[in-house]
Amino acid sequence: MPAPLISVVIPAYNHEKFIGAAIESVLNQTVDDLELIIVDDGSTDRTADVIKGYDDPRISYTWQENQDAFNTINRGMGMAKGRYVSILNSDDVYTTDRFEKLLAYGEDRAADCLFTDVIPISDSGDVFIDPDFGWNVWHRKNRDYYYQHNDIYTGFLNGNYMVTTSNLFMSKAAVDKVGKFSSLRYLHDYDYIFRIMLAFPETVFYVGDQKLLQYRIHSGNTLSEAAITGREQDLQVIQTYMLQKIPDVYRQYVQTGCDRLRQLDSEILDVKTQLGLSQSPTTLQRSLLRRVAGKVRRTVFGS
């Protein structure tokens, strides 16, 4: 069989309620020259039964012992034969014209990576339309920051407006060059998009005027220690890739200054705790941090 145009990788884990919709959103694409690679990361529910209920020669199914999402995606990408590689988490859903529109946009620009805006949906598939819904506020701020600066890399230093691994549509050449996802449990997609931008600085595009992915926000999600781990990984990713854009002559200064600012933040929190004061940042602190950040931008980037 000739190689397909697009390889879609679905890392699946315990999503028996959602995996069917994910699979159908791939099989029903208006561009059907594709293969669907599903790697089941040791699901213990009926996920495997749902997958095996689809009889389509474009589907390949692999089961493995649980190894976490980044390893599952890496295994699937290693099996991809298409000219393009797209990832879809097993609880998310593509719009049926996603590939058609991305191909039209990307081939005119020789794109190596594309991502779009997203539609937030609930467990039941309802769209979160309330502009004051917490996730919508967070995403709108990230998008506004990108449009304010009109620079993809700067936008990502402010926040992950790609939102999810499911939003990645890449050339196979980009996948081969950038390599595997890192072992960051919560932010492997964030780390990966920075690596793509560094490897292909002129051919990564945000198709921000198109909503071609439904991103599922689960109602059962609660605040936990994962929120701390995620933010610790966020610090690591931002510091790493901010420094990648700093000229070598300035890198030591910026690294030292960043480390000291983090220490000061921790020290201020400790002192406030000992004094029994509010732990939220004061207006003075926020103003100071804004001035420092602005001075770094002007000094290093001239903007």
Protein backbone atom coordinates (compact mmCIF):
# COMPACT_ATOMS: atom_id res chain seq x y z
CA MET A 1 0.00 0.00 0.00
CA PRO A 2 1.28 3.51 -0.78
CA ALA A 3 2.08 5.76 2.17
CA PRO A 4 -0.93 7.85 3.27
CA LEU A 5 -0.98 11.61 3.11
CA ILE A 6 -1.69 11.96 6.85
CA SER A 7 -0.89 9.78 9.85
CA VAL A 8 -3.13 10.37 12.86
CA VAL A 9 -1.89 9.15 16.23
CA ILE A 10 -4.38 8.60 19.04
CA PRO A 11 -2.88 7.80 22.46
CA ALA A 12 -5.78 6.12 24.27
CA TYR A 13 -6.24 5.57 27.98
CA ASN A 14 -9.49 4.76 29.82
CA HIS A 15 -11.72 6.85 27.57
CA GLU A 16 -14.43 4.36 26.68
CA LYS A 17 -17.01 7.19 26.76
CA PHE A 18 -15.08 9.43 24.37
CA ILE A 19 -12.84 7.31 22.13
CA GLY A 20 -15.65 6.57 19.66
CA ALA A 21 -16.25 10.24 18.92
CA ALA A 22 -12.50 10.78 18.52
CA ILE A 23 -12.16 7.89 16.05
CA GLU A 24 -15.19 8.96 14.03
CA SER A 25 -13.90 12.53 13.79
CA VAL A 26 -10.84 11.11 12.03
CA LEU A 27 -12.57 8.58 9.79
CA ASN A 28 -15.15 11.16 8.68
CA GLN A 29 -12.62 13.78 7.57
CA THR A 30 -13.27 15.33 4.17
CA VAL A 31 -9.68 14.32 3.37
CA ASP A 32 -9.66 10.52 3.66
CA ASP A 33 -6.11 9.70 2.54
CA LEU A 34 -4.97 8.83 6.03
CA GLU A 35 -4.00 6.14 8.49
CA LEU A 36 -5.21 6.06 12.09
CA ILE A 37 -2.68 4.69 14.56
CA ILE A 38 -4.23 3.98 17.97
CA VAL A 39 -1.91 3.07 20.82
CA ASP A 40 -3.79 1.88 23.91
CA ASP A 41 -1.74 2.75 26.99
CA GLY A 42 -2.96 -0.14 29.13
CA SER A 43 -6.61 0.89 29.45
CA THR A 44 -8.55 -1.00 32.11
CA ASP A 45 -12.06 -0.03 30.97
CA ARG A 46 -13.82 -0.88 27.68
CA THR A 47 -11.65 1.40 25.54
CA ALA A 48 -10.18 -1.59 23.63
CA ASP A 49 -13.65 -3.02 22.94
CA VAL A 50 -14.85 0.27 21.48
CA ILE A 51 -11.79 0.56 19.24
CA LYS A 52 -12.11 -3.01 17.98
CA GLY A 53 -15.73 -2.31 17.07
CA TYR A 54 -14.55 -0.20 14.11
CA ASP A 55 -13.90 -2.10 10.89
CA ASP A 56 -11.81 0.22 8.74
CA PRO A 57 -8.56 -0.79 7.01
CA ARG A 58 -7.07 2.60 7.82
CA ILE A 59 -7.02 1.75 11.55
CA SER A 60 -4.12 0.01 13.27
CA TYR A 61 -4.40 -0.86 16.97
CA THR A 62 -1.58 -1.51 19.44
CA TRP A 63 -1.88 -2.28 23.15
CA GLN A 64 0.92 -1.71 25.65
CA GLU A 65 1.46 -1.72 29.40
CA ASN A 66 0.80 1.71 30.89
CA GLN A 67 3.73 4.00 30.11
CA ASP A 68 2.21 7.51 30.29
CA ALA A 69 1.06 9.79 27.48
CA PHE A 70 4.39 11.02 26.13
CA ASN A 71 5.72 7.47 25.63
CA THR A 72 2.45 6.45 24.00
CA ILE A 73 2.58 9.34 21.56
CA ASN A 74 6.23 8.64 20.79
CA ARG A 75 5.43 5.03 19.95
CA GLY A 76 2.61 6.07 17.65
CA MET A 77 4.71 8.68 15.86
CA GLY A 78 7.40 6.06 15.31
CA MET A 79 4.85 4.01 13.38
CA ALA A 80 3.67 6.92 11.20
CA LYS A 81 4.20 6.67 7.44
CA GLY A 82 2.36 9.76 6.23
CA ARG A 83 3.70 12.99 4.82
CA TYR A 84 2.00 14.74 7.76
CA VAL A 85 1.53 13.65 11.36
CA SER A 86 -1.42 14.74 13.48
CA ILE A 87 -2.10 13.88 17.14
CA LEU A 88 -5.52 13.49 18.74
CA ASN A 89 -6.06 12.73 22.41
CA SER A 90 -8.70 10.07 22.90
CA ASP A 91 -11.19 12.47 24.50
CA ASP A 92 -10.92 15.28 21.94
CA VAL A 93 -12.67 15.67 18.57
CA TYR A 94 -11.66 17.10 15.18
CA THR A 95 -14.08 19.09 13.07
CA THR A 96 -14.69 17.11 9.86
CA ASP A 97 -12.96 19.72 7.67
CA ARG A 98 -9.87 20.16 9.86
CA PHE A 99 -7.42 18.43 7.53
CA GLU A 100 -8.89 20.00 4.40
CA LYS A 101 -8.46 23.51 5.79
CA LEU A 102 -5.01 22.89 7.31
CA LEU A 103 -3.68 21.38 4.10
CA ALA A 104 -4.96 24.33 2.07
CA TYR A 105 -3.42 26.81 4.51
CA GLY A 106 -0.15 24.96 5.02
CA GLU A 107 0.73 23.95 1.48
CA ASP A 108 0.56 27.57 0.31
CA ARG A 109 3.12 28.44 2.98
CA ALA A 110 5.27 25.28 3.03
CA ALA A 111 4.31 24.93 6.69
CA ASP A 112 6.01 22.42 8.98
CA CYS A 113 3.62 22.90 11.91
CA LEU A 114 0.10 24.26 12.17
CA PHE A 115 -2.30 24.69 15.06
CA THR A 116 -5.71 26.36 15.30
CA ASP A 117 -8.09 27.87 17.79
CA VAL A 118 -10.17 25.38 19.77
CA ILE A 119 -13.74 24.84 20.97
CA PRO A 120 -13.99 23.94 24.68
CA ILE A 121 -16.56 21.21 25.33
CA SER A 122 -17.88 19.36 28.38
CA ASP A 123 -18.05 15.62 29.08
CA SER A 124 -21.42 15.58 27.32
CA GLY A 125 -20.15 17.57 24.33
CA ASP A 126 -21.78 20.87 25.23
CA VAL A 127 -19.79 23.96 24.27
CA PHE A 128 -18.64 26.26 27.09
CA ILE A 129 -19.87 29.54 25.61
CA ASP A 130 -19.91 31.71 28.76
CA PRO A 131 -17.11 34.29 28.27
CA ASP A 132 -16.64 34.42 32.05
CA PHE A 133 -16.07 30.67 32.33
CA GLY A 134 -12.60 30.27 33.88
CA TRP A 135 -11.02 28.39 31.00
CA ASN A 136 -12.39 30.87 28.45
CA VAL A 137 -10.91 33.78 30.41
CA TRP A 138 -7.50 32.04 30.56
CA HIS A 139 -7.49 31.20 26.84
CA ARG A 140 -8.70 34.65 25.79
CA LYS A 141 -5.86 36.30 27.72
CA ASN A 142 -3.30 34.08 26.00
CA ARG A 143 -4.76 34.78 22.55
CA ASP A 144 -4.97 38.51 23.21
CA TYR A 145 -1.32 38.56 24.25
CA TYR A 146 -0.31 36.79 21.02
CA TYR A 147 -2.29 39.22 18.86
CA GLN A 148 -0.90 42.18 20.79
CA HIS A 149 2.69 41.17 20.02
CA ASN A 150 2.06 39.29 16.75
CA ASP A 151 4.91 36.89 17.43
CA ILE A 152 4.35 33.16 17.94
CA TYR A 153 7.36 32.57 20.21
CA THR A 154 6.58 35.56 22.45
CA GLY A 155 2.99 34.38 22.68
CA PHE A 156 4.06 30.97 23.92
CA LEU A 157 6.37 32.45 26.55
CA ASN A 158 3.25 34.08 27.96
CA GLY A 159 1.09 30.94 27.84
CA ASN A 160 0.18 27.82 25.88
CA TYR A 161 -2.46 29.11 23.49
CA MET A 162 -2.10 25.91 21.43
CA VAL A 163 -3.82 24.36 24.49
CA THR A 164 -3.25 20.64 23.78
CA THR A 165 -1.24 17.99 21.96
CA SER A 166 -4.37 17.35 19.90
CA ASN A 167 -3.76 20.67 18.14
CA LEU A 168 -0.46 19.63 16.55
CA PHE A 169 -0.43 19.08 12.78
CA MET A 170 3.17 18.61 11.57
CA SER A 171 5.19 17.60 8.56
CA LYS A 172 6.87 14.23 8.91
CA ALA A 173 10.15 16.05 8.25
CA ALA A 174 9.53 18.19 11.34
CA VAL A 175 8.72 15.15 13.48
CA ASP A 176 11.89 13.40 12.31
CA LYS A 177 14.05 16.44 13.05
CA VAL A 178 12.54 17.48 16.39
CA GLY A 179 12.35 13.91 17.70
CA LYS A 180 10.41 12.48 20.61
CA PHE A 181 8.24 14.17 23.21
CA SER A 182 9.95 14.83 26.53
CA SER A 183 9.04 13.08 29.77
CA LEU A 184 7.23 16.11 31.19
CA ARG A 185 3.97 14.53 32.29
CA TYR A 186 1.77 17.62 32.09
CA LEU A 187 3.59 19.91 29.67
CA HIS A 188 5.13 17.66 27.02
CA ASP A 189 3.09 19.49 24.35
CA TYR A 190 4.31 22.90 25.59
CA ASP A 191 7.93 21.75 25.52
CA TYR A 192 7.46 20.22 22.06
CA ILE A 193 6.05 23.33 20.39
CA PHE A 194 9.06 25.35 21.58
CA ARG A 195 11.40 22.78 20.05
CA ILE A 196 9.51 22.93 16.77
CA MET A 197 9.66 26.74 16.74
CA LEU A 198 13.42 26.65 17.32
CA ALA A 199 13.95 24.04 14.58
CA PHE A 200 11.58 25.70 12.07
CA PRO A 201 11.39 29.39 13.00
CA GLU A 202 9.77 30.48 9.72
CA THR A 203 7.30 27.65 9.08
CA VAL A 204 5.20 27.37 12.25
CA PHE A 205 1.79 29.03 11.91
CA TYR A 206 -1.17 29.75 14.18
CA VAL A 207 -4.44 29.55 12.26
CA GLY A 208 -6.15 31.59 14.94
CA ASP A 209 -9.27 32.48 12.95
CA GLN A 210 -10.32 28.82 12.59
CA LYS A 211 -11.79 26.64 15.37
CA LEU A 212 -11.02 23.15 14.07
CA LEU A 213 -10.66 21.15 17.29
CA GLN A 214 -13.05 20.38 20.14
CA TYR A 215 -11.07 20.27 23.39
CA ARG A 216 -12.74 18.41 26.22
CA ILE A 217 -12.70 19.93 29.72
CA HIS A 218 -13.74 17.29 32.22
CA SER A 219 -16.21 18.23 34.92
CA GLY A 220 -14.52 15.91 37.42
CA ASN A 221 -11.21 17.80 37.37
CA THR A 222 -10.35 19.18 40.82
CA LEU A 223 -7.45 21.15 42.24
CA SER A 224 -4.71 18.77 43.39
CA GLU A 225 -0.96 18.41 43.72
CA ALA A 226 -0.88 18.06 39.94
CA ALA A 227 -1.53 21.81 39.78
CA ILE A 228 1.72 22.38 41.65
CA THR A 229 3.69 19.95 39.51
CA GLY A 230 2.26 21.49 36.36
CA ARG A 231 3.33 24.97 37.41
CA GLU A 232 6.79 23.74 38.38
CA GLN A 233 7.13 22.25 34.90
CA ASP A 234 5.78 25.50 33.45
CA LEU A 235 8.58 27.41 35.18
CA GLN A 236 11.12 24.96 33.80
CA VAL A 237 9.82 25.16 30.23
CA ILE A 238 9.53 28.96 30.13
CA GLN A 239 12.96 29.55 31.63
CA THR A 240 14.58 27.00 29.30
CA TYR A 241 13.12 28.40 26.10
CA MET A 242 13.35 32.06 27.08
CA LEU A 243 17.08 31.55 27.50
CA GLN A 244 17.26 29.82 24.11
CA LYS A 245 16.31 33.15 22.51
CA ILE A 246 18.81 35.20 24.51
CA PRO A 247 22.18 35.95 22.83
CA ASP A 248 25.01 34.11 24.54
CA VAL A 249 26.57 37.36 25.80
CA TYR A 250 23.44 38.12 27.86
CA ARG A 251 22.37 34.61 28.85
CA GLN A 252 24.25 34.44 32.17
CA TYR A 253 22.79 37.78 33.29
CA VAL A 254 19.23 36.78 32.45
CA GLN A 255 19.63 33.33 34.02
CA THR A 256 20.99 34.83 37.25
CA GLY A 257 18.31 37.50 37.35
CA CYS A 258 15.52 34.99 36.78
CA ASP A 259 16.84 32.74 39.53
CA ARG A 260 17.03 35.66 41.95
CA LEU A 261 13.50 36.83 41.13
CA ARG A 262 12.20 33.34 41.90
CA GLN A 263 14.13 33.33 45.19
CA LEU A 264 12.73 36.73 46.11
CA ASP A 265 9.19 35.58 45.37
CA SER A 266 9.71 32.62 47.70
CA GLU A 267 11.32 34.81 50.38
CA ILE A 268 8.47 37.33 50.26
CA LEU A 269 5.95 34.52 50.64
CA ASP A 270 7.88 33.11 53.63
CA VAL A 271 8.05 36.47 55.37
CA LYS A 272 4.35 37.15 54.78
CA THR A 273 3.49 33.72 56.15
CA GLN A 274 5.55 34.37 59.29
CA LEU A 275 3.91 37.77 59.77
CA GLY A 276 0.45 36.36 59.13
CA LEU A 277 -0.13 38.72 56.22
CA SER A 278 -2.01 38.06 53.01
CA GLN A 279 -0.07 35.83 50.62
CA SER A 280 -1.41 37.50 47.50
CA PRO A 281 0.96 39.83 45.60
CA THR A 282 0.70 43.49 46.55
CA THR A 283 0.21 46.23 44.01
CA LEU A 284 3.81 47.29 44.61
CA GLN A 285 5.12 43.78 43.92
CA ARG A 286 3.13 43.48 40.72
CA SER A 287 4.34 46.88 39.56
CA LEU A 288 7.96 45.93 40.32
CA LEU A 289 7.71 42.66 38.42
CA ARG A 290 6.16 44.41 35.40
CA ARG A 291 8.96 46.99 35.35
CA VAL A 292 11.65 44.31 35.59
CA ALA A 293 10.07 42.26 32.81
CA GLY A 294 9.72 45.32 30.60
CA LYS A 295 13.34 46.31 31.14
CA VAL A 296 14.54 42.80 30.22
CA ARG A 297 12.49 42.91 27.00
CA ARG A 298 13.83 46.33 26.02
CA THR A 299 17.44 45.48 26.84
CA VAL A 300 17.56 42.10 25.14
CA PHE A 301 15.02 42.38 22.33
CA GLY A 302 14.96 46.13 21.75
CA SER A 303 11.16 46.26 22.10
